[in-house]
């Protein structure tokens, strides 16, 4: 019951909004990359929605933007290793 209320909406969002009903790549490694990038996008969107209301100071906004760009660079470098 707990899994149904926490995990299933995430899978539904990934399938419906991120087009993951069918993964059009060959191999497990490529499919893994697609899932990682979709999960990263989902988490960033959720993070920005959560903290958007709390960020009013321009320095805080710049810091969050810098952290997100650093995270994206590291995640892209990670996926290129596969």
PDB file of N, CA and C in Angstrom:
ATOM      1  N   UNK A   1       0.826  -1.196   0.000  1.00  0.00           N
ATOM      2  CA  UNK A   1       0.000   0.000   0.000  1.00  0.00           C
ATOM      3  C   UNK A   1       0.871   1.261   0.000  1.00  0.00           C
ATOM      4  N   UNK A   2       1.983   1.225   0.740  1.00  0.00           N
ATOM      5  CA  UNK A   2       2.866   2.386   0.794  1.00  0.00           C
ATOM      6  C   UNK A   2       3.535   2.589  -0.561  1.00  0.00           C
ATOM      7  N   UNK A   3       3.974   1.498  -1.175  1.00  0.00           N
ATOM      8  CA  UNK A   3       4.629   1.588  -2.480  1.00  0.00           C
ATOM      9  C   UNK A   3       3.681   2.174  -3.517  1.00  0.00           C
ATOM     10  N   UNK A   4       2.443   1.771  -3.446  1.00  0.00           N
ATOM     11  CA  UNK A   4       1.455   2.238  -4.414  1.00  0.00           C
ATOM     12  C   UNK A   4       1.273   3.752  -4.332  1.00  0.00           C
ATOM     13  N   UNK A   5       1.348   4.288  -3.138  1.00  0.00           N
ATOM     14  CA  UNK A   5       1.118   5.726  -2.993  1.00  0.00           C
ATOM     15  C   UNK A   5       2.383   6.556  -3.191  1.00  0.00           C
ATOM     16  N   UNK A   6       3.572   5.934  -3.160  1.00  0.00           N
ATOM     17  CA  UNK A   6       4.799   6.709  -3.305  1.00  0.00           C
ATOM     18  C   UNK A   6       5.497   6.493  -4.643  1.00  0.00           C
ATOM     19  N   UNK A   7       5.571   5.267  -5.105  1.00  0.00           N
ATOM     20  CA  UNK A   7       6.357   4.962  -6.299  1.00  0.00           C
ATOM     21  C   UNK A   7       5.527   5.019  -7.574  1.00  0.00           C
ATOM     22  N   UNK A   8       4.324   4.515  -7.532  1.00  0.00           N
ATOM     23  CA  UNK A   8       3.517   4.421  -8.748  1.00  0.00           C
ATOM     24  C   UNK A   8       3.223   5.775  -9.400  1.00  0.00           C
ATOM     25  N   UNK A   9       2.966   6.857  -8.660  1.00  0.00           N
ATOM     26  CA  UNK A   9       2.782   8.154  -9.332  1.00  0.00           C
ATOM     27  C   UNK A   9       4.030   8.617 -10.087  1.00  0.00           C
ATOM     28  N   UNK A  10       5.204   8.268  -9.574  1.00  0.00           N
ATOM     29  CA  UNK A  10       6.442   8.634 -10.262  1.00  0.00           C
ATOM     30  C   UNK A  10       6.533   7.900 -11.594  1.00  0.00           C
ATOM     31  N   UNK A  11       6.274   6.598 -11.581  1.00  0.00           N
ATOM     32  CA  UNK A  11       6.299   5.838 -12.828  1.00  0.00           C
ATOM     33  C   UNK A  11       5.252   6.360 -13.805  1.00  0.00           C
ATOM     34  N   UNK A  12       4.091   6.703 -13.296  1.00  0.00           N
ATOM     35  CA  UNK A  12       3.049   7.255 -14.156  1.00  0.00           C
ATOM     36  C   UNK A  12       3.478   8.561 -14.799  1.00  0.00           C
ATOM     37  N   UNK A  13       4.125   9.422 -14.034  1.00  0.00           N
ATOM     38  CA  UNK A  13       4.612  10.690 -14.585  1.00  0.00           C
ATOM     39  C   UNK A  13       5.698  10.462 -15.626  1.00  0.00           C
ATOM     40  N   UNK A  14       6.603   9.530 -15.345  1.00  0.00           N
ATOM     41  CA  UNK A  14       7.670   9.246 -16.305  1.00  0.00           C
ATOM     42  C   UNK A  14       7.108   8.707 -17.616  1.00  0.00           C
ATOM     43  N   UNK A  15       6.103   7.858 -17.525  1.00  0.00           N
ATOM     44  CA  UNK A  15       5.504   7.294 -18.737  1.00  0.00           C
ATOM     45  C   UNK A  15       4.693   8.349 -19.476  1.00  0.00           C
ATOM     46  N   UNK A  16       3.906   9.112 -18.742  1.00  0.00           N
ATOM     47  CA  UNK A  16       2.984  10.049 -19.389  1.00  0.00           C
ATOM     48  C   UNK A  16       3.681  11.310 -19.894  1.00  0.00           C
ATOM     49  N   UNK A  17       4.500  11.942 -19.068  1.00  0.00           N
ATOM     50  CA  UNK A  17       5.083  13.232 -19.422  1.00  0.00           C
ATOM     51  C   UNK A  17       6.456  13.140 -20.075  1.00  0.00           C
ATOM     52  N   UNK A  18       7.206  12.088 -19.789  1.00  0.00           N
ATOM     53  CA  UNK A  18       8.565  11.974 -20.307  1.00  0.00           C
ATOM     54  C   UNK A  18       8.693  10.934 -21.413  1.00  0.00           C
ATOM     55  N   UNK A  19       7.586  10.361 -21.848  1.00  0.00           N
ATOM     56  CA  UNK A  19       7.592   9.467 -22.995  1.00  0.00           C
ATOM     57  C   UNK A  19       8.307   8.154 -22.791  1.00  0.00           C
ATOM     58  N   UNK A  20       8.244   7.613 -21.600  1.00  0.00           N
ATOM     59  CA  UNK A  20       8.960   6.373 -21.330  1.00  0.00           C
ATOM     60  C   UNK A  20       8.072   5.140 -21.429  1.00  0.00           C
ATOM     61  N   UNK A  21       6.995   5.228 -22.176  1.00  0.00           N
ATOM     62  CA  UNK A  21       6.192   4.026 -22.375  1.00  0.00           C
ATOM     63  C   UNK A  21       6.958   3.036 -23.242  1.00  0.00           C
ATOM     64  N   UNK A  22       7.835   3.561 -24.097  1.00  0.00           N
ATOM     65  CA  UNK A  22       8.709   2.716 -24.899  1.00  0.00           C
ATOM     66  C   UNK A  22      10.055   3.415 -24.999  1.00  0.00           C
ATOM     67  N   UNK A  23      11.116   2.707 -24.695  1.00  0.00           N
ATOM     68  CA  UNK A  23      12.458   3.271 -24.765  1.00  0.00           C
ATOM     69  C   UNK A  23      13.070   2.836 -26.085  1.00  0.00           C
ATOM     70  N   UNK A  24      13.383   3.786 -26.926  1.00  0.00           N
ATOM     71  CA  UNK A  24      13.852   3.496 -28.281  1.00  0.00           C
ATOM     72  C   UNK A  24      15.373   3.512 -28.388  1.00  0.00           C
ATOM     73  N   UNK A  25      16.032   2.713 -27.569  1.00  0.00           N
ATOM     74  CA  UNK A  25      17.480   2.564 -27.650  1.00  0.00           C
ATOM     75  C   UNK A  25      17.813   1.078 -27.601  1.00  0.00           C
ATOM     76  N   UNK A  26      19.026   0.754 -27.984  1.00  0.00           N
ATOM     77  CA  UNK A  26      19.473  -0.634 -27.954  1.00  0.00           C
ATOM     78  C   UNK A  26      20.410  -0.851 -26.771  1.00  0.00           C
ATOM     79  N   UNK A  27      20.210  -1.930 -26.052  1.00  0.00           N
ATOM     80  CA  UNK A  27      21.107  -2.307 -24.967  1.00  0.00           C
ATOM     81  C   UNK A  27      20.666  -1.810 -23.609  1.00  0.00           C
ATOM     82  N   UNK A  28      21.117  -2.550 -22.608  1.00  0.00           N
ATOM     83  CA  UNK A  28      20.777  -2.183 -21.230  1.00  0.00           C
ATOM     84  C   UNK A  28      21.444  -0.887 -20.804  1.00  0.00           C
ATOM     85  N   UNK A  29      22.681  -0.682 -21.240  1.00  0.00           N
ATOM     86  CA  UNK A  29      23.409   0.527 -20.834  1.00  0.00           C
ATOM     87  C   UNK A  29      22.723   1.781 -21.370  1.00  0.00           C
ATOM     88  N   UNK A  30      22.288   1.738 -22.602  1.00  0.00           N
ATOM     89  CA  UNK A  30      21.600   2.896 -23.182  1.00  0.00           C
ATOM     90  C   UNK A  30      20.248   3.127 -22.524  1.00  0.00           C
ATOM     91  N   UNK A  31      19.534   2.045 -22.241  1.00  0.00           N
ATOM     92  CA  UNK A  31      18.248   2.177 -21.550  1.00  0.00           C
ATOM     93  C   UNK A  31      18.454   2.739 -20.147  1.00  0.00           C
ATOM     94  N   UNK A  32      19.549   2.336 -19.512  1.00  0.00           N
ATOM     95  CA  UNK A  32      19.876   2.853 -18.183  1.00  0.00           C
ATOM     96  C   UNK A  32      20.127   4.364 -18.243  1.00  0.00           C
ATOM     97  N   UNK A  33      20.833   4.819 -19.284  1.00  0.00           N
ATOM     98  CA  UNK A  33      21.069   6.257 -19.456  1.00  0.00           C
ATOM     99  C   UNK A  33      19.757   7.025 -19.605  1.00  0.00           C
ATOM    100  N   UNK A  34      18.854   6.472 -20.409  1.00  0.00           N
ATOM    101  CA  UNK A  34      17.570   7.137 -20.626  1.00  0.00           C
ATOM    102  C   UNK A  34      16.811   7.255 -19.312  1.00  0.00           C
ATOM    103  N   UNK A  35      16.793   6.186 -18.536  1.00  0.00           N
ATOM    104  CA  UNK A  35      16.089   6.213 -17.252  1.00  0.00           C
ATOM    105  C   UNK A  35      16.743   7.189 -16.277  1.00  0.00           C
ATOM    106  N   UNK A  36      18.075   7.219 -16.249  1.00  0.00           N
ATOM    107  CA  UNK A  36      18.770   8.158 -15.361  1.00  0.00           C
ATOM    108  C   UNK A  36      18.458   9.607 -15.720  1.00  0.00           C
ATOM    109  N   UNK A  37      18.471   9.923 -16.993  1.00  0.00           N
ATOM    110  CA  UNK A  37      18.194  11.297 -17.401  1.00  0.00           C
ATOM    111  C   UNK A  37      16.743  11.678 -17.125  1.00  0.00           C
ATOM    112  N   UNK A  38      15.821  10.746 -17.345  1.00  0.00           N
ATOM    113  CA  UNK A  38      14.415  11.036 -17.055  1.00  0.00           C
ATOM    114  C   UNK A  38      14.206  11.237 -15.558  1.00  0.00           C
ATOM    115  N   UNK A  39      14.841  10.386 -14.751  1.00  0.00           N
ATOM    116  CA  UNK A  39      14.715  10.525 -13.300  1.00  0.00           C
ATOM    117  C   UNK A  39      15.354  11.826 -12.821  1.00  0.00           C
ATOM    118  N   UNK A  40      16.471  12.208 -13.428  1.00  0.00           N
ATOM    119  CA  UNK A  40      17.122  13.473 -13.077  1.00  0.00           C
ATOM    120  C   UNK A  40      16.215  14.656 -13.396  1.00  0.00           C
ATOM    121  N   UNK A  41      15.608  14.633 -14.565  1.00  0.00           N
ATOM    122  CA  UNK A  41      14.679  15.710 -14.940  1.00  0.00           C
ATOM    123  C   UNK A  41      13.492  15.768 -13.991  1.00  0.00           C
ATOM    124  N   UNK A  42      12.955  14.608 -13.659  1.00  0.00           N
ATOM    125  CA  UNK A  42      11.812  14.552 -12.746  1.00  0.00           C
ATOM    126  C   UNK A  42      12.187  15.130 -11.386  1.00  0.00           C
ATOM    127  N   UNK A  43      13.349  14.733 -10.864  1.00  0.00           N
ATOM    128  CA  UNK A  43      13.774  15.205  -9.546  1.00  0.00           C
ATOM    129  C   UNK A  43      14.085  16.696  -9.547  1.00  0.00           C
ATOM    130  N   UNK A  44      14.718  17.194 -10.606  1.00  0.00           N
ATOM    131  CA  UNK A  44      14.991  18.629 -10.685  1.00  0.00           C
ATOM    132  C   UNK A  44      13.707  19.442 -10.752  1.00  0.00           C
ATOM    133  N   UNK A  45      12.757  18.961 -11.522  1.00  0.00           N
ATOM    134  CA  UNK A  45      11.473  19.660 -11.614  1.00  0.00           C
ATOM    135  C   UNK A  45      10.781  19.693 -10.255  1.00  0.00           C
ATOM    136  N   UNK A  46      10.818  18.583  -9.547  1.00  0.00           N
ATOM    137  CA  UNK A  46      10.211  18.509  -8.220  1.00  0.00           C
ATOM    138  C   UNK A  46      10.952  19.419  -7.234  1.00  0.00           C
ATOM    139  N   UNK A  47      12.280  19.432  -7.313  1.00  0.00           N
ATOM    140  CA  UNK A  47      13.096  20.271  -6.441  1.00  0.00           C
ATOM    141  C   UNK A  47      12.796  21.748  -6.680  1.00  0.00           C
ATOM    142  N   UNK A  48      12.752  22.143  -7.944  1.00  0.00           N
ATOM    143  CA  UNK A  48      12.488  23.548  -8.253  1.00  0.00           C
ATOM    144  C   UNK A  48      11.094  23.968  -7.833  1.00  0.00           C
ATOM    145  N   UNK A  49      10.137  23.076  -7.983  1.00  0.00           N
ATOM    146  CA  UNK A  49       8.772  23.393  -7.569  1.00  0.00           C
ATOM    147  C   UNK A  49       8.696  23.561  -6.051  1.00  0.00           C
ATOM    148  N   UNK A  50       9.442  22.741  -5.320  1.00  0.00           N
ATOM    149  CA  UNK A  50       9.418  22.787  -3.861  1.00  0.00           C
ATOM    150  C   UNK A  50      10.066  24.057  -3.327  1.00  0.00           C
ATOM    151  N   UNK A  51      11.232  24.423  -3.876  1.00  0.00           N
ATOM    152  CA  UNK A  51      11.999  25.524  -3.312  1.00  0.00           C
ATOM    153  C   UNK A  51      11.801  26.850  -4.035  1.00  0.00           C
ATOM    154  N   UNK A  52      10.972  26.879  -5.051  1.00  0.00           N
ATOM    155  CA  UNK A  52      10.743  28.117  -5.789  1.00  0.00           C
ATOM    156  C   UNK A  52      10.105  29.182  -4.907  1.00  0.00           C
ATOM    157  N   UNK A  53       9.193  28.770  -4.064  1.00  0.00           N
ATOM    158  CA  UNK A  53       8.496  29.723  -3.196  1.00  0.00           C
ATOM    159  C   UNK A  53       9.413  30.296  -2.122  1.00  0.00           C
ATOM    160  N   UNK A  54      10.432  29.539  -1.724  1.00  0.00           N
ATOM    161  CA  UNK A  54      11.295  29.961  -0.626  1.00  0.00           C
ATOM    162  C   UNK A  54      12.431  30.872  -1.092  1.00  0.00           C
ATOM    163  N   UNK A  55      12.717  30.886  -2.389  1.00  0.00           N
ATOM    164  CA  UNK A  55      13.845  31.657  -2.887  1.00  0.00           C
ATOM    165  C   UNK A  55      13.394  33.056  -3.304  1.00  0.00           C
ATOM    166  N   UNK A  56      13.690  34.025  -2.468  1.00  0.00           N
ATOM    167  CA  UNK A  56      13.352  35.402  -2.806  1.00  0.00           C
ATOM    168  C   UNK A  56      14.600  36.256  -2.962  1.00  0.00           C
ATOM    169  N   UNK A  57      15.660  35.904  -2.269  1.00  0.00           N
ATOM    170  CA  UNK A  57      16.904  36.645  -2.340  1.00  0.00           C
ATOM    171  C   UNK A  57      17.616  36.297  -3.649  1.00  0.00           C
ATOM    172  N   UNK A  58      18.127  37.295  -4.363  1.00  0.00           N
ATOM    173  CA  UNK A  58      18.779  37.034  -5.650  1.00  0.00           C
ATOM    174  C   UNK A  58      20.049  36.208  -5.484  1.00  0.00           C
ATOM    175  N   UNK A  59      20.757  36.381  -4.373  1.00  0.00           N
ATOM    176  CA  UNK A  59      21.952  35.579  -4.128  1.00  0.00           C
ATOM    177  C   UNK A  59      21.584  34.111  -3.945  1.00  0.00           C
ATOM    178  N   UNK A  60      20.473  33.859  -3.282  1.00  0.00           N
ATOM    179  CA  UNK A  60      20.023  32.479  -3.099  1.00  0.00           C
ATOM    180  C   UNK A  60      19.625  31.862  -4.429  1.00  0.00           C
ATOM    181  N   UNK A  61      18.987  32.636  -5.276  1.00  0.00           N
ATOM    182  CA  UNK A  61      18.587  32.139  -6.595  1.00  0.00           C
ATOM    183  C   UNK A  61      19.822  31.809  -7.429  1.00  0.00           C
ATOM    184  N   UNK A  62      20.833  32.682  -7.396  1.00  0.00           N
ATOM    185  CA  UNK A  62      22.066  32.425  -8.135  1.00  0.00           C
ATOM    186  C   UNK A  62      22.777  31.185  -7.609  1.00  0.00           C
ATOM    187  N   UNK A  63      22.782  30.994  -6.297  1.00  0.00           N
ATOM    188  CA  UNK A  63      23.419  29.826  -5.707  1.00  0.00           C
ATOM    189  C   UNK A  63      22.728  28.550  -6.143  1.00  0.00           C
ATOM    190  N   UNK A  64      21.416  28.547  -6.109  1.00  0.00           N
ATOM    191  CA  UNK A  64      20.668  27.360  -6.530  1.00  0.00           C
ATOM    192  C   UNK A  64      20.895  27.094  -8.014  1.00  0.00           C
ATOM    193  N   UNK A  65      20.922  28.127  -8.826  1.00  0.00           N
ATOM    194  CA  UNK A  65      21.176  27.947 -10.258  1.00  0.00           C
ATOM    195  C   UNK A  65      22.563  27.355 -10.490  1.00  0.00           C
ATOM    196  N   UNK A  66      23.550  27.826  -9.716  1.00  0.00           N
ATOM    197  CA  UNK A  66      24.907  27.283  -9.831  1.00  0.00           C
ATOM    198  C   UNK A  66      24.944  25.815  -9.411  1.00  0.00           C
ATOM    199  N   UNK A  67      24.271  25.472  -8.318  1.00  0.00           N
ATOM    200  CA  UNK A  67      24.241  24.083  -7.858  1.00  0.00           C
ATOM    201  C   UNK A  67      23.567  23.172  -8.878  1.00  0.00           C
ATOM    202  N   UNK A  68      22.494  23.642  -9.470  1.00  0.00           N
ATOM    203  CA  UNK A  68      21.792  22.829 -10.463  1.00  0.00           C
ATOM    204  C   UNK A  68      22.658  22.628 -11.698  1.00  0.00           C
ATOM    205  N   UNK A  69      23.339  23.669 -12.142  1.00  0.00           N
ATOM    206  CA  UNK A  69      24.195  23.510 -13.320  1.00  0.00           C
ATOM    207  C   UNK A  69      25.357  22.568 -13.026  1.00  0.00           C
ATOM    208  N   UNK A  70      25.915  22.644 -11.817  1.00  0.00           N
ATOM    209  CA  UNK A  70      26.985  21.717 -11.449  1.00  0.00           C
ATOM    210  C   UNK A  70      26.472  20.287 -11.395  1.00  0.00           C
ATOM    211  N   UNK A  71      25.267  20.116 -10.871  1.00  0.00           N
ATOM    212  CA  UNK A  71      24.673  18.781 -10.815  1.00  0.00           C
ATOM    213  C   UNK A  71      24.443  18.232 -12.211  1.00  0.00           C
ATOM    214  N   UNK A  72      23.930  19.062 -13.108  1.00  0.00           N
ATOM    215  CA  UNK A  72      23.679  18.607 -14.475  1.00  0.00           C
ATOM    216  C   UNK A  72      24.975  18.238 -15.184  1.00  0.00           C
ATOM    217  N   UNK A  73      26.025  19.029 -14.991  1.00  0.00           N
ATOM    218  CA  UNK A  73      27.307  18.705 -15.619  1.00  0.00           C
ATOM    219  C   UNK A  73      27.837  17.375 -15.117  1.00  0.00           C
ATOM    220  N   UNK A  74      27.742  17.135 -13.809  1.00  0.00           N
ATOM    221  CA  UNK A  74      28.248  15.875 -13.267  1.00  0.00           C
ATOM    222  C   UNK A  74      27.396  14.698 -13.703  1.00  0.00           C
ATOM    223  N   UNK A  75      26.082  14.877 -13.797  1.00  0.00           N
ATOM    224  CA  UNK A  75      25.235  13.761 -14.215  1.00  0.00           C
ATOM    225  C   UNK A  75      25.423  13.451 -15.691  1.00  0.00           C
ATOM    226  N   UNK A  76      25.652  14.462 -16.515  1.00  0.00           N
ATOM    227  CA  UNK A  76      25.915  14.210 -17.931  1.00  0.00           C
ATOM    228  C   UNK A  76      27.253  13.503 -18.094  1.00  0.00           C
ATOM    229  N   UNK A  77      28.263  13.920 -17.337  1.00  0.00           N
ATOM    230  CA  UNK A  77      29.556  13.242 -17.396  1.00  0.00           C
ATOM    231  C   UNK A  77      29.427  11.796 -16.935  1.00  0.00           C
ATOM    232  N   UNK A  78      28.595  11.558 -15.934  1.00  0.00           N
ATOM    233  CA  UNK A  78      28.377  10.198 -15.437  1.00  0.00           C
ATOM    234  C   UNK A  78      27.729   9.329 -16.501  1.00  0.00           C
ATOM    235  N   UNK A  79      26.735   9.859 -17.193  1.00  0.00           N
ATOM    236  CA  UNK A  79      26.048   9.050 -18.205  1.00  0.00           C
ATOM    237  C   UNK A  79      26.918   8.810 -19.427  1.00  0.00           C
ATOM    238  N   UNK A  80      27.853   9.705 -19.707  1.00  0.00           N
ATOM    239  CA  UNK A  80      28.739   9.493 -20.847  1.00  0.00           C
ATOM    240  C   UNK A  80      29.752   8.382 -20.592  1.00  0.00           C
ATOM    241  N   UNK A  81      29.985   8.041 -19.328  1.00  0.00           N
ATOM    242  CA  UNK A  81      30.920   6.960 -19.012  1.00  0.00           C
ATOM    243  C   UNK A  81      30.380   5.600 -19.422  1.00  0.00           C
ATOM    244  N   UNK A  82      29.069   5.448 -19.471  1.00  0.00           N
ATOM    245  CA  UNK A  82      28.473   4.144 -19.788  1.00  0.00           C
ATOM    246  C   UNK A  82      28.549   3.854 -21.251  1.00  0.00           C
TER     247      UNK A  82
END
